[in-house]
Amino acid sequence: MSVLDDLKTRRATVAAELAAMSKLSMGGKPNAMTADGGTSVDHVGFRRSLLEELRMLDEAILREAEVQSAIDDEDGSWEIESQVYT
């Protein structure tokens, strides 16, 4: 399995988890405190983290596909260009 395949597999897993969310599942509910009042459950944060991971995976898949395309060039030469986002 290649890096690109691994990224696509993880993306499918995260997307499926987001699609399966309902009002009764983790991430589909509003934030809540447990009955003892001491522990909070951050459902909104969990959903946001999955959405952020999905965005990052999409970007990584595009970058990896570009690298693979460059490697597969006919003459065998390739160039990697990196960017830093802040």
N, C-alpha and C. Protein backbone atom coordinates (compact mmCIF):
# COMPACT_ATOMS: atom_id res chain seq x y z
N MET A 1 0.84 -1.17 0.00
CA MET A 1 0.00 0.00 0.00
C MET A 1 0.89 1.25 0.00
N SER A 2 0.52 2.23 -0.80
CA SER A 2 1.31 3.45 -0.89
C SER A 2 0.82 4.48 0.13
N VAL A 3 1.58 5.53 0.28
CA VAL A 3 1.19 6.63 1.16
C VAL A 3 -0.14 7.21 0.70
N LEU A 4 -0.29 7.36 -0.61
CA LEU A 4 -1.53 7.91 -1.16
C LEU A 4 -2.73 7.01 -0.82
N ASP A 5 -2.54 5.71 -0.93
CA ASP A 5 -3.61 4.78 -0.56
C ASP A 5 -3.96 4.89 0.92
N ASP A 6 -2.94 5.01 1.76
CA ASP A 6 -3.17 5.15 3.21
C ASP A 6 -3.96 6.42 3.52
N LEU A 7 -3.58 7.52 2.87
CA LEU A 7 -4.29 8.79 3.08
C LEU A 7 -5.75 8.68 2.64
N LYS A 8 -5.99 8.05 1.50
CA LYS A 8 -7.36 7.90 1.00
C LYS A 8 -8.18 7.00 1.92
N THR A 9 -7.56 5.97 2.46
CA THR A 9 -8.27 5.07 3.39
C THR A 9 -8.67 5.82 4.65
N ARG A 10 -7.74 6.60 5.21
CA ARG A 10 -8.05 7.37 6.41
C ARG A 10 -9.14 8.40 6.12
N ARG A 11 -9.08 9.05 4.96
CA ARG A 11 -10.08 10.04 4.60
C ARG A 11 -11.47 9.40 4.52
N ALA A 12 -11.55 8.22 3.93
CA ALA A 12 -12.83 7.51 3.83
C ALA A 12 -13.36 7.17 5.21
N THR A 13 -12.49 6.79 6.12
CA THR A 13 -12.89 6.46 7.49
C THR A 13 -13.44 7.68 8.21
N VAL A 14 -12.74 8.80 8.11
CA VAL A 14 -13.19 10.04 8.77
C VAL A 14 -14.50 10.51 8.15
N ALA A 15 -14.61 10.46 6.83
CA ALA A 15 -15.84 10.89 6.16
C ALA A 15 -17.02 10.01 6.57
N ALA A 16 -16.79 8.71 6.70
CA ALA A 16 -17.85 7.81 7.12
C ALA A 16 -18.29 8.10 8.56
N GLU A 17 -17.33 8.41 9.42
CA GLU A 17 -17.66 8.74 10.80
C GLU A 17 -18.49 10.02 10.86
N LEU A 18 -18.14 11.01 10.08
CA LEU A 18 -18.92 12.25 10.03
C LEU A 18 -20.32 11.99 9.47
N ALA A 19 -20.40 11.19 8.43
CA ALA A 19 -21.70 10.91 7.81
C ALA A 19 -22.61 10.12 8.73
N ALA A 20 -22.03 9.31 9.61
CA ALA A 20 -22.83 8.48 10.51
C ALA A 20 -23.30 9.23 11.76
N MET A 21 -22.82 10.45 11.96
CA MET A 21 -23.22 11.20 13.15
C MET A 21 -24.71 11.49 13.14
N SER A 22 -25.30 11.37 14.30
CA SER A 22 -26.71 11.70 14.46
C SER A 22 -26.86 12.47 15.77
N LYS A 23 -28.06 12.88 16.07
CA LYS A 23 -28.31 13.61 17.32
C LYS A 23 -28.04 12.75 18.54
N LEU A 24 -27.89 11.45 18.34
CA LEU A 24 -27.68 10.53 19.47
C LEU A 24 -26.25 10.03 19.59
N SER A 25 -25.40 10.38 18.62
CA SER A 25 -24.03 9.85 18.64
C SER A 25 -23.01 10.90 19.07
N MET A 26 -21.83 10.43 19.44
CA MET A 26 -20.73 11.31 19.81
C MET A 26 -20.44 12.24 18.64
N GLY A 27 -20.39 13.53 18.91
CA GLY A 27 -20.13 14.52 17.87
C GLY A 27 -21.40 15.12 17.30
N GLY A 28 -22.51 14.43 17.46
CA GLY A 28 -23.77 14.94 16.95
C GLY A 28 -24.58 15.68 17.99
N LYS A 29 -24.16 15.57 19.22
CA LYS A 29 -24.89 16.20 20.33
C LYS A 29 -24.25 17.54 20.67
N PRO A 30 -24.97 18.37 21.40
CA PRO A 30 -24.34 19.60 21.92
C PRO A 30 -23.40 19.23 23.07
N ASN A 31 -22.49 20.11 23.41
CA ASN A 31 -21.61 19.87 24.54
C ASN A 31 -22.45 19.65 25.79
N ALA A 32 -21.94 18.82 26.72
CA ALA A 32 -22.74 18.48 27.89
C ALA A 32 -21.85 18.22 29.10
N MET A 33 -22.44 18.34 30.26
CA MET A 33 -21.80 17.97 31.52
C MET A 33 -22.37 16.62 31.94
N THR A 34 -21.54 15.81 32.56
CA THR A 34 -22.03 14.54 33.07
C THR A 34 -22.89 14.78 34.30
N ALA A 35 -23.58 13.75 34.74
CA ALA A 35 -24.50 13.86 35.87
C ALA A 35 -23.82 14.36 37.14
N ASP A 36 -22.54 13.99 37.32
CA ASP A 36 -21.84 14.42 38.52
C ASP A 36 -21.38 15.87 38.44
N GLY A 37 -21.53 16.49 37.26
CA GLY A 37 -21.19 17.89 37.09
C GLY A 37 -19.70 18.16 36.97
N GLY A 38 -18.89 17.13 37.03
CA GLY A 38 -17.45 17.35 37.01
C GLY A 38 -16.77 17.12 35.68
N THR A 39 -17.41 16.39 34.80
CA THR A 39 -16.79 16.05 33.55
C THR A 39 -17.64 16.58 32.41
N SER A 40 -17.01 17.27 31.47
CA SER A 40 -17.76 17.74 30.32
C SER A 40 -17.42 16.89 29.10
N VAL A 41 -18.35 16.79 28.20
CA VAL A 41 -18.16 16.04 26.96
C VAL A 41 -18.22 17.05 25.82
N ASP A 42 -17.12 17.17 25.09
CA ASP A 42 -17.01 18.18 24.03
C ASP A 42 -17.39 17.57 22.68
N HIS A 43 -18.68 17.42 22.44
CA HIS A 43 -19.16 16.87 21.18
C HIS A 43 -18.83 17.79 20.01
N VAL A 44 -18.99 19.08 20.21
CA VAL A 44 -18.74 20.05 19.14
C VAL A 44 -17.25 20.02 18.76
N GLY A 45 -16.38 19.97 19.76
CA GLY A 45 -14.95 19.90 19.49
C GLY A 45 -14.55 18.64 18.75
N PHE A 46 -15.20 17.53 19.09
CA PHE A 46 -14.92 16.26 18.41
C PHE A 46 -15.29 16.37 16.93
N ARG A 47 -16.47 16.91 16.65
CA ARG A 47 -16.90 17.08 15.27
C ARG A 47 -15.96 18.02 14.52
N ARG A 48 -15.59 19.12 15.17
CA ARG A 48 -14.65 20.07 14.54
C ARG A 48 -13.32 19.41 14.23
N SER A 49 -12.83 18.58 15.15
CA SER A 49 -11.54 17.92 14.92
C SER A 49 -11.61 16.97 13.73
N LEU A 50 -12.74 16.30 13.57
CA LEU A 50 -12.89 15.42 12.41
C LEU A 50 -12.95 16.23 11.12
N LEU A 51 -13.66 17.35 11.13
CA LEU A 51 -13.73 18.20 9.94
C LEU A 51 -12.35 18.76 9.59
N GLU A 52 -11.60 19.16 10.60
CA GLU A 52 -10.24 19.67 10.38
C GLU A 52 -9.33 18.57 9.83
N GLU A 53 -9.46 17.37 10.38
CA GLU A 53 -8.66 16.26 9.88
C GLU A 53 -9.01 15.96 8.43
N LEU A 54 -10.29 16.03 8.09
CA LEU A 54 -10.73 15.79 6.72
C LEU A 54 -10.11 16.83 5.77
N ARG A 55 -10.09 18.09 6.18
CA ARG A 55 -9.48 19.15 5.37
C ARG A 55 -7.99 18.89 5.18
N MET A 56 -7.31 18.53 6.26
CA MET A 56 -5.87 18.26 6.19
C MET A 56 -5.58 17.04 5.31
N LEU A 57 -6.41 16.02 5.40
CA LEU A 57 -6.23 14.84 4.56
C LEU A 57 -6.43 15.18 3.09
N ASP A 58 -7.43 16.01 2.78
CA ASP A 58 -7.64 16.43 1.40
C ASP A 58 -6.41 17.13 0.84
N GLU A 59 -5.83 18.01 1.64
CA GLU A 59 -4.62 18.73 1.21
C GLU A 59 -3.45 17.76 1.03
N ALA A 60 -3.29 16.83 1.96
CA ALA A 60 -2.20 15.86 1.87
C ALA A 60 -2.36 14.94 0.66
N ILE A 61 -3.59 14.57 0.37
CA ILE A 61 -3.85 13.71 -0.80
C ILE A 61 -3.48 14.45 -2.08
N LEU A 62 -3.85 15.72 -2.17
CA LEU A 62 -3.49 16.50 -3.36
C LEU A 62 -1.98 16.61 -3.52
N ARG A 63 -1.29 16.92 -2.41
CA ARG A 63 0.18 17.04 -2.47
C ARG A 63 0.82 15.71 -2.86
N GLU A 64 0.37 14.63 -2.26
CA GLU A 64 0.96 13.32 -2.55
C GLU A 64 0.68 12.91 -4.00
N ALA A 65 -0.51 13.22 -4.49
CA ALA A 65 -0.83 12.91 -5.89
C ALA A 65 0.08 13.69 -6.84
N GLU A 66 0.37 14.95 -6.49
CA GLU A 66 1.29 15.75 -7.31
C GLU A 66 2.68 15.15 -7.31
N VAL A 67 3.14 14.71 -6.14
CA VAL A 67 4.46 14.09 -6.04
C VAL A 67 4.50 12.81 -6.86
N GLN A 68 3.47 11.98 -6.73
CA GLN A 68 3.43 10.73 -7.49
C GLN A 68 3.41 11.00 -8.99
N SER A 69 2.67 12.03 -9.39
CA SER A 69 2.61 12.39 -10.80
C SER A 69 3.98 12.83 -11.29
N ALA A 70 4.67 13.61 -10.48
CA ALA A 70 6.01 14.08 -10.86
C ALA A 70 6.99 12.91 -10.95
N ILE A 71 6.88 11.97 -10.05
CA ILE A 71 7.77 10.80 -10.06
C ILE A 71 7.52 9.95 -11.29
N ASP A 72 6.27 9.89 -11.71
CA ASP A 72 5.89 9.06 -12.85
C ASP A 72 6.16 9.71 -14.21
N ASP A 73 6.75 10.92 -14.21
CA ASP A 73 7.08 11.57 -15.48
C ASP A 73 7.93 10.66 -16.34
N GLU A 74 7.81 10.83 -17.64
CA GLU A 74 8.51 9.98 -18.59
C GLU A 74 10.02 10.00 -18.42
N ASP A 75 10.59 11.18 -18.15
CA ASP A 75 12.05 11.26 -18.09
C ASP A 75 12.59 10.87 -16.72
N GLY A 76 11.71 10.62 -15.77
CA GLY A 76 12.15 10.16 -14.46
C GLY A 76 12.58 11.27 -13.52
N SER A 77 12.66 12.50 -14.01
CA SER A 77 13.06 13.59 -13.12
C SER A 77 11.82 14.17 -12.46
N TRP A 78 12.00 14.73 -11.28
CA TRP A 78 10.88 15.34 -10.59
C TRP A 78 11.37 16.40 -9.63
N GLU A 79 10.46 17.24 -9.24
CA GLU A 79 10.77 18.37 -8.37
C GLU A 79 9.68 18.45 -7.29
N ILE A 80 10.12 18.67 -6.08
CA ILE A 80 9.16 18.82 -4.98
C ILE A 80 9.17 20.27 -4.54
N GLU A 81 7.99 20.84 -4.45
CA GLU A 81 7.83 22.21 -4.00
C GLU A 81 7.01 22.17 -2.73
N SER A 82 7.51 22.79 -1.67
CA SER A 82 6.75 22.78 -0.43
C SER A 82 6.31 24.19 -0.08
N GLN A 83 5.20 24.26 0.67
CA GLN A 83 4.67 25.53 1.11
C GLN A 83 4.34 25.42 2.58
N VAL A 84 4.51 26.53 3.28
CA VAL A 84 4.17 26.57 4.69
C VAL A 84 3.01 27.52 4.86
N TYR A 85 1.97 27.06 5.54
CA TYR A 85 0.78 27.87 5.80
C TYR A 85 0.75 28.20 7.26
N THR A 86 0.49 29.44 7.56
CA THR A 86 0.37 29.85 8.96
C THR A 86 -0.98 30.46 9.21
